[in-house]
Amino acid sequence: MSQAASARYPTTREKHRPIIVKFATHKMKSTVMKKKRDLKDTGYGLVEDLTTDIYKRLCDIKKLDSIERCWSIDGKIKYINKGERAINIIKDGRDVEKLMAGE
């Protein structure tokens, strides 16, 4: 695997320190991030570095009862409504407002 740089993130907690990885290519990052679901229930995980605004939107959407799953890929928020199979994409703040209003 090709990566540009990696570093341990300092922490004061007793838990394992996160590792920050900067990939050499976007394709490699996408390949690795698509595999993050395979780490479920292992105690390990991959987290995409999101802007504060996108992270807040993602958290708000995850709290909605009408949402089955919600995740981000390349800074884009995607979600599936309960009882549906279609993947929806948040394009802008108005989409979040509509979702929060129950439309």
PDB file of N, CA and C in Angstrom:
ATOM      1  N   MET A   1       0.847  -1.164   0.000  1.00  0.00           N
ATOM      2  CA  MET A   1       0.000   0.000   0.000  1.00  0.00           C
ATOM      3  C   MET A   1       0.898   1.234   0.000  1.00  0.00           C
ATOM      4  N   SER A   2       0.541   2.187  -0.818  1.00  0.00           N
ATOM      5  CA  SER A   2       1.310   3.414  -0.935  1.00  0.00           C
ATOM      6  C   SER A   2       0.664   4.518  -0.112  1.00  0.00           C
ATOM      7  N   GLN A   3       1.442   5.121   0.744  1.00  0.00           N
ATOM      8  CA  GLN A   3       0.930   6.237   1.533  1.00  0.00           C
ATOM      9  C   GLN A   3       1.974   7.335   1.552  1.00  0.00           C
ATOM     10  N   ALA A   4       1.515   8.573   1.679  1.00  0.00           N
ATOM     11  CA  ALA A   4       2.441   9.696   1.677  1.00  0.00           C
ATOM     12  C   ALA A   4       3.065   9.889   3.046  1.00  0.00           C
ATOM     13  N   ALA A   5       2.257   9.728   4.114  1.00  0.00           N
ATOM     14  CA  ALA A   5       2.775   9.929   5.461  1.00  0.00           C
ATOM     15  C   ALA A   5       1.830   9.309   6.474  1.00  0.00           C
ATOM     16  N   SER A   6       2.360   8.993   7.660  1.00  0.00           N
ATOM     17  CA  SER A   6       1.512   8.543   8.762  1.00  0.00           C
ATOM     18  C   SER A   6       2.142   9.014  10.061  1.00  0.00           C
ATOM     19  N   ALA A   7       1.302   9.194  11.075  1.00  0.00           N
ATOM     20  CA  ALA A   7       1.791   9.669  12.365  1.00  0.00           C
ATOM     21  C   ALA A   7       0.837   9.226  13.460  1.00  0.00           C
ATOM     22  N   ARG A   8       1.350   9.066  14.677  1.00  0.00           N
ATOM     23  CA  ARG A   8       0.506   8.751  15.829  1.00  0.00           C
ATOM     24  C   ARG A   8      -0.040  10.058  16.374  1.00  0.00           C
ATOM     25  N   TYR A   9      -1.296  10.052  16.738  1.00  0.00           N
ATOM     26  CA  TYR A   9      -1.943  11.240  17.282  1.00  0.00           C
ATOM     27  C   TYR A   9      -1.793  11.201  18.796  1.00  0.00           C
ATOM     28  N   PRO A  10      -1.233  12.248  19.414  1.00  0.00           N
ATOM     29  CA  PRO A  10      -1.048  12.229  20.869  1.00  0.00           C
ATOM     30  C   PRO A  10      -2.387  12.293  21.603  1.00  0.00           C
ATOM     31  N   THR A  11      -2.480  11.583  22.712  1.00  0.00           N
ATOM     32  CA  THR A  11      -3.700  11.597  23.513  1.00  0.00           C
ATOM     33  C   THR A  11      -3.348  11.396  24.977  1.00  0.00           C
ATOM     34  N   THR A  12      -4.214  11.859  25.840  1.00  0.00           N
ATOM     35  CA  THR A  12      -3.991  11.686  27.274  1.00  0.00           C
ATOM     36  C   THR A  12      -4.818  10.528  27.816  1.00  0.00           C
ATOM     37  N   ARG A  13      -5.649   9.948  26.979  1.00  0.00           N
ATOM     38  CA  ARG A  13      -6.498   8.833  27.405  1.00  0.00           C
ATOM     39  C   ARG A  13      -5.700   7.537  27.466  1.00  0.00           C
ATOM     40  N   GLU A  14      -6.273   6.578  28.150  1.00  0.00           N
ATOM     41  CA  GLU A  14      -5.643   5.266  28.281  1.00  0.00           C
ATOM     42  C   GLU A  14      -5.786   4.422  27.011  1.00  0.00           C
ATOM     43  N   LYS A  15      -6.693   4.810  26.136  1.00  0.00           N
ATOM     44  CA  LYS A  15      -6.958   4.030  24.930  1.00  0.00           C
ATOM     45  C   LYS A  15      -5.777   4.098  23.963  1.00  0.00           C
ATOM     46  N   HIS A  16      -5.840   3.254  22.951  1.00  0.00           N
ATOM     47  CA  HIS A  16      -4.820   3.281  21.903  1.00  0.00           C
ATOM     48  C   HIS A  16      -4.868   4.619  21.174  1.00  0.00           C
ATOM     49  N   ARG A  17      -3.715   5.098  20.789  1.00  0.00           N
ATOM     50  CA  ARG A  17      -3.653   6.366  20.072  1.00  0.00           C
ATOM     51  C   ARG A  17      -4.053   6.187  18.620  1.00  0.00           C
ATOM     52  N   PRO A  18      -4.833   7.128  18.095  1.00  0.00           N
ATOM     53  CA  PRO A  18      -5.202   7.055  16.677  1.00  0.00           C
ATOM     54  C   PRO A  18      -3.977   7.240  15.783  1.00  0.00           C
ATOM     55  N   ILE A  19      -4.043   6.682  14.608  1.00  0.00           N
ATOM     56  CA  ILE A  19      -2.998   6.859  13.604  1.00  0.00           C
ATOM     57  C   ILE A  19      -3.589   7.680  12.467  1.00  0.00           C
ATOM     58  N   ILE A  20      -2.918   8.746  12.105  1.00  0.00           N
ATOM     59  CA  ILE A  20      -3.354   9.590  10.995  1.00  0.00           C
ATOM     60  C   ILE A  20      -2.563   9.171   9.762  1.00  0.00           C
ATOM     61  N   VAL A  21      -3.277   8.896   8.681  1.00  0.00           N
ATOM     62  CA  VAL A  21      -2.627   8.452   7.447  1.00  0.00           C
ATOM     63  C   VAL A  21      -3.000   9.398   6.320  1.00  0.00           C
ATOM     64  N   LYS A  22      -2.007   9.830   5.572  1.00  0.00           N
ATOM     65  CA  LYS A  22      -2.242  10.615   4.364  1.00  0.00           C
ATOM     66  C   LYS A  22      -1.828   9.735   3.189  1.00  0.00           C
ATOM     67  N   PHE A  23      -2.791   9.422   2.337  1.00  0.00           N
ATOM     68  CA  PHE A  23      -2.522   8.531   1.215  1.00  0.00           C
ATOM     69  C   PHE A  23      -1.901   9.287   0.053  1.00  0.00           C
ATOM     70  N   ALA A  24      -1.082   8.580  -0.707  1.00  0.00           N
ATOM     71  CA  ALA A  24      -0.402   9.187  -1.850  1.00  0.00           C
ATOM     72  C   ALA A  24      -1.367   9.473  -2.991  1.00  0.00           C
ATOM     73  N   THR A  25      -2.416   8.646  -3.106  1.00  0.00           N
ATOM     74  CA  THR A  25      -3.391   8.853  -4.175  1.00  0.00           C
ATOM     75  C   THR A  25      -4.808   8.778  -3.614  1.00  0.00           C
ATOM     76  N   HIS A  26      -5.710   9.477  -4.275  1.00  0.00           N
ATOM     77  CA  HIS A  26      -7.113   9.446  -3.873  1.00  0.00           C
ATOM     78  C   HIS A  26      -7.698   8.051  -4.081  1.00  0.00           C
ATOM     79  N   LYS A  27      -7.256   7.372  -5.111  1.00  0.00           N
ATOM     80  CA  LYS A  27      -7.743   6.023  -5.400  1.00  0.00           C
ATOM     81  C   LYS A  27      -7.422   5.071  -4.250  1.00  0.00           C
ATOM     82  N   MET A  28      -6.229   5.173  -3.692  1.00  0.00           N
ATOM     83  CA  MET A  28      -5.840   4.313  -2.582  1.00  0.00           C
ATOM     84  C   MET A  28      -6.688   4.621  -1.347  1.00  0.00           C
ATOM     85  N   LYS A  29      -6.917   5.900  -1.087  1.00  0.00           N
ATOM     86  CA  LYS A  29      -7.758   6.289   0.049  1.00  0.00           C
ATOM     87  C   LYS A  29      -9.164   5.712  -0.113  1.00  0.00           C
ATOM     88  N   SER A  30      -9.730   5.836  -1.296  1.00  0.00           N
ATOM     89  CA  SER A  30     -11.075   5.320  -1.554  1.00  0.00           C
ATOM     90  C   SER A  30     -11.132   3.810  -1.366  1.00  0.00           C
ATOM     91  N   THR A  31     -10.119   3.115  -1.834  1.00  0.00           N
ATOM     92  CA  THR A  31     -10.062   1.659  -1.696  1.00  0.00           C
ATOM     93  C   THR A  31     -10.059   1.257  -0.226  1.00  0.00           C
ATOM     94  N   VAL A  32      -9.245   1.922   0.569  1.00  0.00           N
ATOM     95  CA  VAL A  32      -9.154   1.605   1.996  1.00  0.00           C
ATOM     96  C   VAL A  32     -10.446   1.973   2.716  1.00  0.00           C
ATOM     97  N   MET A  33     -10.991   3.151   2.447  1.00  0.00           N
ATOM     98  CA  MET A  33     -12.196   3.602   3.144  1.00  0.00           C
ATOM     99  C   MET A  33     -13.415   2.738   2.815  1.00  0.00           C
ATOM    100  N   LYS A  34     -13.451   2.152   1.638  1.00  0.00           N
ATOM    101  CA  LYS A  34     -14.567   1.267   1.283  1.00  0.00           C
ATOM    102  C   LYS A  34     -14.540  -0.021   2.103  1.00  0.00           C
ATOM    103  N   LYS A  35     -13.406  -0.344   2.681  1.00  0.00           N
ATOM    104  CA  LYS A  35     -13.263  -1.562   3.478  1.00  0.00           C
ATOM    105  C   LYS A  35     -13.525  -1.331   4.963  1.00  0.00           C
ATOM    106  N   LYS A  36     -13.847  -0.096   5.369  1.00  0.00           N
ATOM    107  CA  LYS A  36     -13.976   0.191   6.791  1.00  0.00           C
ATOM    108  C   LYS A  36     -15.107  -0.580   7.459  1.00  0.00           C
ATOM    109  N   ARG A  37     -16.109  -0.961   6.706  1.00  0.00           N
ATOM    110  CA  ARG A  37     -17.215  -1.728   7.285  1.00  0.00           C
ATOM    111  C   ARG A  37     -16.750  -3.120   7.723  1.00  0.00           C
ATOM    112  N   ASP A  38     -15.715  -3.637   7.096  1.00  0.00           N
ATOM    113  CA  ASP A  38     -15.177  -4.948   7.473  1.00  0.00           C
ATOM    114  C   ASP A  38     -14.592  -4.940   8.889  1.00  0.00           C
ATOM    115  N   LEU A  39     -14.291  -3.765   9.417  1.00  0.00           N
ATOM    116  CA  LEU A  39     -13.704  -3.651  10.750  1.00  0.00           C
ATOM    117  C   LEU A  39     -14.752  -3.571  11.862  1.00  0.00           C
ATOM    118  N   LYS A  40     -16.033  -3.581  11.493  1.00  0.00           N
ATOM    119  CA  LYS A  40     -17.105  -3.486  12.481  1.00  0.00           C
ATOM    120  C   LYS A  40     -16.973  -4.620  13.500  1.00  0.00           C
ATOM    121  N   ASP A  41     -17.139  -4.295  14.767  1.00  0.00           N
ATOM    122  CA  ASP A  41     -17.063  -5.245  15.888  1.00  0.00           C
ATOM    123  C   ASP A  41     -15.672  -5.824  16.104  1.00  0.00           C
ATOM    124  N   THR A  42     -14.635  -5.160  15.600  1.00  0.00           N
ATOM    125  CA  THR A  42     -13.266  -5.634  15.827  1.00  0.00           C
ATOM    126  C   THR A  42     -12.533  -4.786  16.865  1.00  0.00           C
ATOM    127  N   GLY A  43     -13.110  -3.642  17.223  1.00  0.00           N
ATOM    128  CA  GLY A  43     -12.420  -2.727  18.126  1.00  0.00           C
ATOM    129  C   GLY A  43     -11.570  -1.714  17.381  1.00  0.00           C
ATOM    130  N   TYR A  44     -11.506  -1.854  16.072  1.00  0.00           N
ATOM    131  CA  TYR A  44     -10.765  -0.923  15.230  1.00  0.00           C
ATOM    132  C   TYR A  44     -11.738  -0.224  14.299  1.00  0.00           C
ATOM    133  N   GLY A  45     -11.331   0.905  13.777  1.00  0.00           N
ATOM    134  CA  GLY A  45     -12.197   1.606  12.842  1.00  0.00           C
ATOM    135  C   GLY A  45     -11.428   2.614  12.022  1.00  0.00           C
ATOM    136  N   LEU A  46     -12.049   3.039  10.956  1.00  0.00           N
ATOM    137  CA  LEU A  46     -11.496   4.076  10.092  1.00  0.00           C
ATOM    138  C   LEU A  46     -12.454   5.251  10.124  1.00  0.00           C
ATOM    139  N   VAL A  47     -11.919   6.441  10.277  1.00  0.00           N
ATOM    140  CA  VAL A  47     -12.742   7.640  10.331  1.00  0.00           C
ATOM    141  C   VAL A  47     -12.214   8.632   9.312  1.00  0.00           C
ATOM    142  N   GLU A  48     -13.115   9.132   8.496  1.00  0.00           N
ATOM    143  CA  GLU A  48     -12.750  10.134   7.503  1.00  0.00           C
ATOM    144  C   GLU A  48     -12.651  11.493   8.187  1.00  0.00           C
ATOM    145  N   ASP A  49     -11.663  12.272   7.839  1.00  0.00           N
ATOM    146  CA  ASP A  49     -11.496  13.616   8.390  1.00  0.00           C
ATOM    147  C   ASP A  49     -12.472  14.550   7.681  1.00  0.00           C
ATOM    148  N   LEU A  50     -13.509  14.988   8.406  1.00  0.00           N
ATOM    149  CA  LEU A  50     -14.548  15.836   7.827  1.00  0.00           C
ATOM    150  C   LEU A  50     -14.440  17.258   8.352  1.00  0.00           C
ATOM    151  N   THR A  51     -14.970  18.203   7.587  1.00  0.00           N
ATOM    152  CA  THR A  51     -15.052  19.571   8.085  1.00  0.00           C
ATOM    153  C   THR A  51     -16.052  19.588   9.237  1.00  0.00           C
ATOM    154  N   THR A  52     -15.985  20.599  10.069  1.00  0.00           N
ATOM    155  CA  THR A  52     -16.899  20.719  11.205  1.00  0.00           C
ATOM    156  C   THR A  52     -18.345  20.742  10.748  1.00  0.00           C
ATOM    157  N   ASP A  53     -18.635  21.460   9.682  1.00  0.00           N
ATOM    158  CA  ASP A  53     -19.999  21.579   9.171  1.00  0.00           C
ATOM    159  C   ASP A  53     -20.537  20.228   8.697  1.00  0.00           C
ATOM    160  N   ILE A  54     -19.759  19.512   7.922  1.00  0.00           N
ATOM    161  CA  ILE A  54     -20.201  18.213   7.411  1.00  0.00           C
ATOM    162  C   ILE A  54     -20.341  17.209   8.555  1.00  0.00           C
ATOM    163  N   TYR A  55     -19.418  17.246   9.512  1.00  0.00           N
ATOM    164  CA  TYR A  55     -19.497  16.342  10.658  1.00  0.00           C
ATOM    165  C   TYR A  55     -20.767  16.590  11.462  1.00  0.00           C
ATOM    166  N   LYS A  56     -21.110  17.863  11.677  1.00  0.00           N
ATOM    167  CA  LYS A  56     -22.327  18.217  12.411  1.00  0.00           C
ATOM    168  C   LYS A  56     -23.561  17.717  11.663  1.00  0.00           C
ATOM    169  N   ARG A  57     -23.593  17.915  10.354  1.00  0.00           N
ATOM    170  CA  ARG A  57     -24.720  17.422   9.545  1.00  0.00           C
ATOM    171  C   ARG A  57     -24.850  15.904   9.657  1.00  0.00           C
ATOM    172  N   LEU A  58     -23.733  15.211   9.567  1.00  0.00           N
ATOM    173  CA  LEU A  58     -23.739  13.753   9.659  1.00  0.00           C
ATOM    174  C   LEU A  58     -24.306  13.299  11.005  1.00  0.00           C
ATOM    175  N   CYS A  59     -23.864  13.922  12.083  1.00  0.00           N
ATOM    176  CA  CYS A  59     -24.362  13.573  13.419  1.00  0.00           C
ATOM    177  C   CYS A  59     -25.852  13.855  13.548  1.00  0.00           C
ATOM    178  N   ASP A  60     -26.306  14.989  13.020  1.00  0.00           N
ATOM    179  CA  ASP A  60     -27.731  15.339  13.077  1.00  0.00           C
ATOM    180  C   ASP A  60     -28.580  14.311  12.333  1.00  0.00           C
ATOM    181  N   ILE A  61     -28.121  13.883  11.179  1.00  0.00           N
ATOM    182  CA  ILE A  61     -28.873  12.914  10.376  1.00  0.00           C
ATOM    183  C   ILE A  61     -28.904  11.552  11.066  1.00  0.00           C
ATOM    184  N   LYS A  62     -27.790  11.147  11.677  1.00  0.00           N
ATOM    185  CA  LYS A  62     -27.743   9.854  12.364  1.00  0.00           C
ATOM    186  C   LYS A  62     -28.745   9.782  13.514  1.00  0.00           C
ATOM    187  N   LYS A  63     -29.087  10.922  14.102  1.00  0.00           N
ATOM    188  CA  LYS A  63     -30.016  10.958  15.239  1.00  0.00           C
ATOM    189  C   LYS A  63     -31.476  10.791  14.828  1.00  0.00           C
ATOM    190  N   LEU A  64     -31.781  10.959  13.559  1.00  0.00           N
ATOM    191  CA  LEU A  64     -33.166  10.885  13.099  1.00  0.00           C
ATOM    192  C   LEU A  64     -33.691   9.449  13.153  1.00  0.00           C
ATOM    193  N   ASP A  65     -34.910   9.290  13.647  1.00  0.00           N
ATOM    194  CA  ASP A  65     -35.526   7.967  13.737  1.00  0.00           C
ATOM    195  C   ASP A  65     -35.824   7.371  12.368  1.00  0.00           C
ATOM    196  N   SER A  66     -35.995   8.212  11.373  1.00  0.00           N
ATOM    197  CA  SER A  66     -36.368   7.739  10.035  1.00  0.00           C
ATOM    198  C   SER A  66     -35.179   7.203   9.233  1.00  0.00           C
ATOM    199  N   ILE A  67     -33.980   7.301   9.781  1.00  0.00           N
ATOM    200  CA  ILE A  67     -32.767   6.906   9.061  1.00  0.00           C
ATOM    201  C   ILE A  67     -32.294   5.522   9.504  1.00  0.00           C
ATOM    202  N   GLU A  68     -32.115   4.643   8.534  1.00  0.00           N
ATOM    203  CA  GLU A  68     -31.606   3.290   8.793  1.00  0.00           C
ATOM    204  C   GLU A  68     -30.084   3.321   8.961  1.00  0.00           C
ATOM    205  N   ARG A  69     -29.396   3.920   7.978  1.00  0.00           N
ATOM    206  CA  ARG A  69     -27.936   4.038   7.985  1.00  0.00           C
ATOM    207  C   ARG A  69     -27.533   5.387   7.436  1.00  0.00           C
ATOM    208  N   CYS A  70     -26.401   5.881   7.906  1.00  0.00           N
ATOM    209  CA  CYS A  70     -25.876   7.159   7.433  1.00  0.00           C
ATOM    210  C   CYS A  70     -24.356   7.092   7.501  1.00  0.00           C
ATOM    211  N   TRP A  71     -23.676   7.557   6.456  1.00  0.00           N
ATOM    212  CA  TRP A  71     -22.221   7.507   6.410  1.00  0.00           C
ATOM    213  C   TRP A  71     -21.711   8.600   5.477  1.00  0.00           C
ATOM    214  N   SER A  72     -20.396   8.740   5.435  1.00  0.00           N
ATOM    215  CA  SER A  72     -19.798   9.713   4.514  1.00  0.00           C
ATOM    216  C   SER A  72     -18.723   9.028   3.684  1.00  0.00           C
ATOM    217  N   ILE A  73     -18.642   9.450   2.448  1.00  0.00           N
ATOM    218  CA  ILE A  73     -17.583   8.996   1.540  1.00  0.00           C
ATOM    219  C   ILE A  73     -17.092  10.226   0.797  1.00  0.00           C
ATOM    220  N   ASP A  74     -15.803  10.469   0.868  1.00  0.00           N
ATOM    221  CA  ASP A  74     -15.197  11.625   0.202  1.00  0.00           C
ATOM    222  C   ASP A  74     -15.888  12.930   0.577  1.00  0.00           C
ATOM    223  N   GLY A  75     -16.301  13.043   1.837  1.00  0.00           N
ATOM    224  CA  GLY A  75     -16.931  14.271   2.316  1.00  0.00           C
ATOM    225  C   GLY A  75     -18.389  14.415   1.938  1.00  0.00           C
ATOM    226  N   LYS A  76     -18.942  13.426   1.243  1.00  0.00           N
ATOM    227  CA  LYS A  76     -20.356  13.451   0.866  1.00  0.00           C
ATOM    228  C   LYS A  76     -21.136  12.558   1.826  1.00  0.00           C
ATOM    229  N   ILE A  77     -22.270  13.067   2.322  1.00  0.00           N
ATOM    230  CA  ILE A  77     -23.100  12.306   3.245  1.00  0.00           C
ATOM    231  C   ILE A  77     -24.118  11.494   2.454  1.00  0.00           C
ATOM    232  N   LYS A  78     -24.189  10.216   2.781  1.00  0.00           N
ATOM    233  CA  LYS A  78     -25.158   9.319   2.148  1.00  0.00           C
ATOM    234  C   LYS A  78     -25.971   8.660   3.256  1.00  0.00           C
ATOM    235  N   TYR A  79     -27.231   8.333   2.939  1.00  0.00           N
ATOM    236  CA  TYR A  79     -28.083   7.705   3.945  1.00  0.00           C
ATOM    237  C   TYR A  79     -29.139   6.828   3.293  1.00  0.00           C
ATOM    238  N   ILE A  80     -29.687   5.921   4.101  1.00  0.00           N
ATOM    239  CA  ILE A  80     -30.789   5.059   3.680  1.00  0.00           C
ATOM    240  C   ILE A  80     -31.909   5.236   4.690  1.00  0.00           C
ATOM    241  N   ASN A  81     -33.108   5.531   4.200  1.00  0.00           N
ATOM    242  CA  ASN A  81     -34.278   5.635   5.068  1.00  0.00           C
ATOM    243  C   ASN A  81     -34.702   4.247   5.522  1.00  0.00           C
ATOM    244  N   LYS A  82     -35.310   4.178   6.714  1.00  0.00           N
ATOM    245  CA  LYS A  82     -35.818   2.899   7.207  1.00  0.00           C
ATOM    246  C   LYS A  82     -36.859   2.360   6.243  1.00  0.00           C
ATOM    247  N   GLY A  83     -36.793   1.065   5.989  1.00  0.00           N
ATOM    248  CA  GLY A  83     -37.752   0.413   5.114  1.00  0.00           C
ATOM    249  C   GLY A  83     -37.489   0.610   3.635  1.00  0.00           C
ATOM    250  N   GLU A  84     -36.390   1.259   3.288  1.00  0.00           N
ATOM    251  CA  GLU A  84     -36.047   1.490   1.885  1.00  0.00           C
ATOM    252  C   GLU A  84     -34.677   0.902   1.583  1.00  0.00           C
ATOM    253  N   ARG A  85     -34.379   0.764   0.307  1.00  0.00           N
ATOM    254  CA  ARG A  85     -33.071   0.257  -0.103  1.00  0.00           C
ATOM    255  C   ARG A  85     -32.260   1.307  -0.850  1.00  0.00           C
ATOM    256  N   ALA A  86     -32.936   2.367  -1.286  1.00  0.00           N
ATOM    257  CA  ALA A  86     -32.271   3.398  -2.091  1.00  0.00           C
ATOM    258  C   ALA A  86     -31.310   4.225  -1.239  1.00  0.00           C
ATOM    259  N   ILE A  87     -30.148   4.510  -1.813  1.00  0.00           N
ATOM    260  CA  ILE A  87     -29.161   5.369  -1.160  1.00  0.00           C
ATOM    261  C   ILE A  87     -29.423   6.805  -1.594  1.00  0.00           C
ATOM    262  N   ASN A  88     -29.571   7.690  -0.619  1.00  0.00           N
ATOM    263  CA  ASN A  88     -29.792   9.112  -0.871  1.00  0.00           C
ATOM    264  C   ASN A  88     -28.511   9.874  -0.575  1.00  0.00           C
ATOM    265  N   ILE A  89     -28.298  10.972  -1.271  1.00  0.00           N
ATOM    266  CA  ILE A  89     -27.098  11.792  -1.092  1.00  0.00           C
ATOM    267  C   ILE A  89     -27.507  13.193  -0.669  1.00  0.00           C
ATOM    268  N   ILE A  90     -26.831  13.711   0.353  1.00  0.00           N
ATOM    269  CA  ILE A  90     -27.045  15.091   0.785  1.00  0.00           C
ATOM    270  C   ILE A  90     -26.213  15.982  -0.126  1.00  0.00           C
ATOM    271  N   LYS A  91     -26.878  16.872  -0.838  1.00  0.00           N
ATOM    272  CA  LYS A  91     -26.170  17.753  -1.774  1.00  0.00           C
ATOM    273  C   LYS A  91     -25.783  19.082  -1.137  1.00  0.00           C
ATOM    274  N   ASP A  92     -26.640  19.579  -0.218  1.00  0.00           N
ATOM    275  CA  ASP A  92     -26.337  20.849   0.442  1.00  0.00           C
ATOM    276  C   ASP A  92     -27.144  20.963   1.732  1.00  0.00           C
ATOM    277  N   GLY A  93     -27.017  22.098   2.402  1.00  0.00           N
ATOM    278  CA  GLY A  93     -27.698  22.331   3.671  1.00  0.00           C
ATOM    279  C   GLY A  93     -29.210  22.262   3.575  1.00  0.00           C
ATOM    280  N   ARG A  94     -29.752  22.618   2.416  1.00  0.00           N
ATOM    281  CA  ARG A  94     -31.213  22.561   2.250  1.00  0.00           C
ATOM    282  C   ARG A  94     -31.718  21.127   2.335  1.00  0.00           C
ATOM    283  N   ASP A  95     -30.945  20.178   1.813  1.00  0.00           N
ATOM    284  CA  ASP A  95     -31.335  18.769   1.908  1.00  0.00           C
ATOM    285  C   ASP A  95     -31.404  18.327   3.369  1.00  0.00           C
ATOM    286  N   VAL A  96     -30.455  18.790   4.175  1.00  0.00           N
ATOM    287  CA  VAL A  96     -30.450  18.450   5.600  1.00  0.00           C
ATOM    288  C   VAL A  96     -31.669  19.064   6.277  1.00  0.00           C
ATOM    289  N   GLU A  97     -31.960  20.328   5.965  1.00  0.00           N
ATOM    290  CA  GLU A  97     -33.116  21.002   6.563  1.00  0.00           C
ATOM    291  C   GLU A  97     -34.410  20.274   6.223  1.00  0.00           C
ATOM    292  N   LYS A  98     -34.566  19.832   4.978  1.00  0.00           N
ATOM    293  CA  LYS A  98     -35.759  19.088   4.562  1.00  0.00           C
ATOM    294  C   LYS A  98     -35.859  17.772   5.324  1.00  0.00           C
ATOM    295  N   LEU A  99     -34.737  17.095   5.466  1.00  0.00           N
ATOM    296  CA  LEU A  99     -34.710  15.822   6.171  1.00  0.00           C
ATOM    297  C   LEU A  99     -35.081  16.013   7.640  1.00  0.00           C
ATOM    298  N   MET A 100     -34.545  17.062   8.249  1.00  0.00           N
ATOM    299  CA  MET A 100     -34.826  17.349   9.656  1.00  0.00           C
ATOM    300  C   MET A 100     -36.293  17.732   9.858  1.00  0.00           C
ATOM    301  N   ALA A 101     -36.890  18.367   8.849  1.00  0.00           N
ATOM    302  CA  ALA A 101     -38.290  18.790   8.935  1.00  0.00           C
ATOM    303  C   ALA A 101     -39.241  17.634   8.638  1.00  0.00           C
ATOM    304  N   GLY A 102     -38.702  16.508   8.190  1.00  0.00           N
ATOM    305  CA  GLY A 102     -39.518  15.336   7.926  1.00  0.00           C
ATOM    306  C   GLY A 102     -40.130  15.293   6.549  1.00  0.00           C
ATOM    307  N   GLU A 103     -39.598  16.040   5.608  1.00  0.00           N
ATOM    308  CA  GLU A 103     -40.138  16.059   4.240  1.00  0.00           C
ATOM    309  C   GLU A 103     -39.613  14.894   3.432  1.00  0.00           C
TER     310      GLU A 103
END
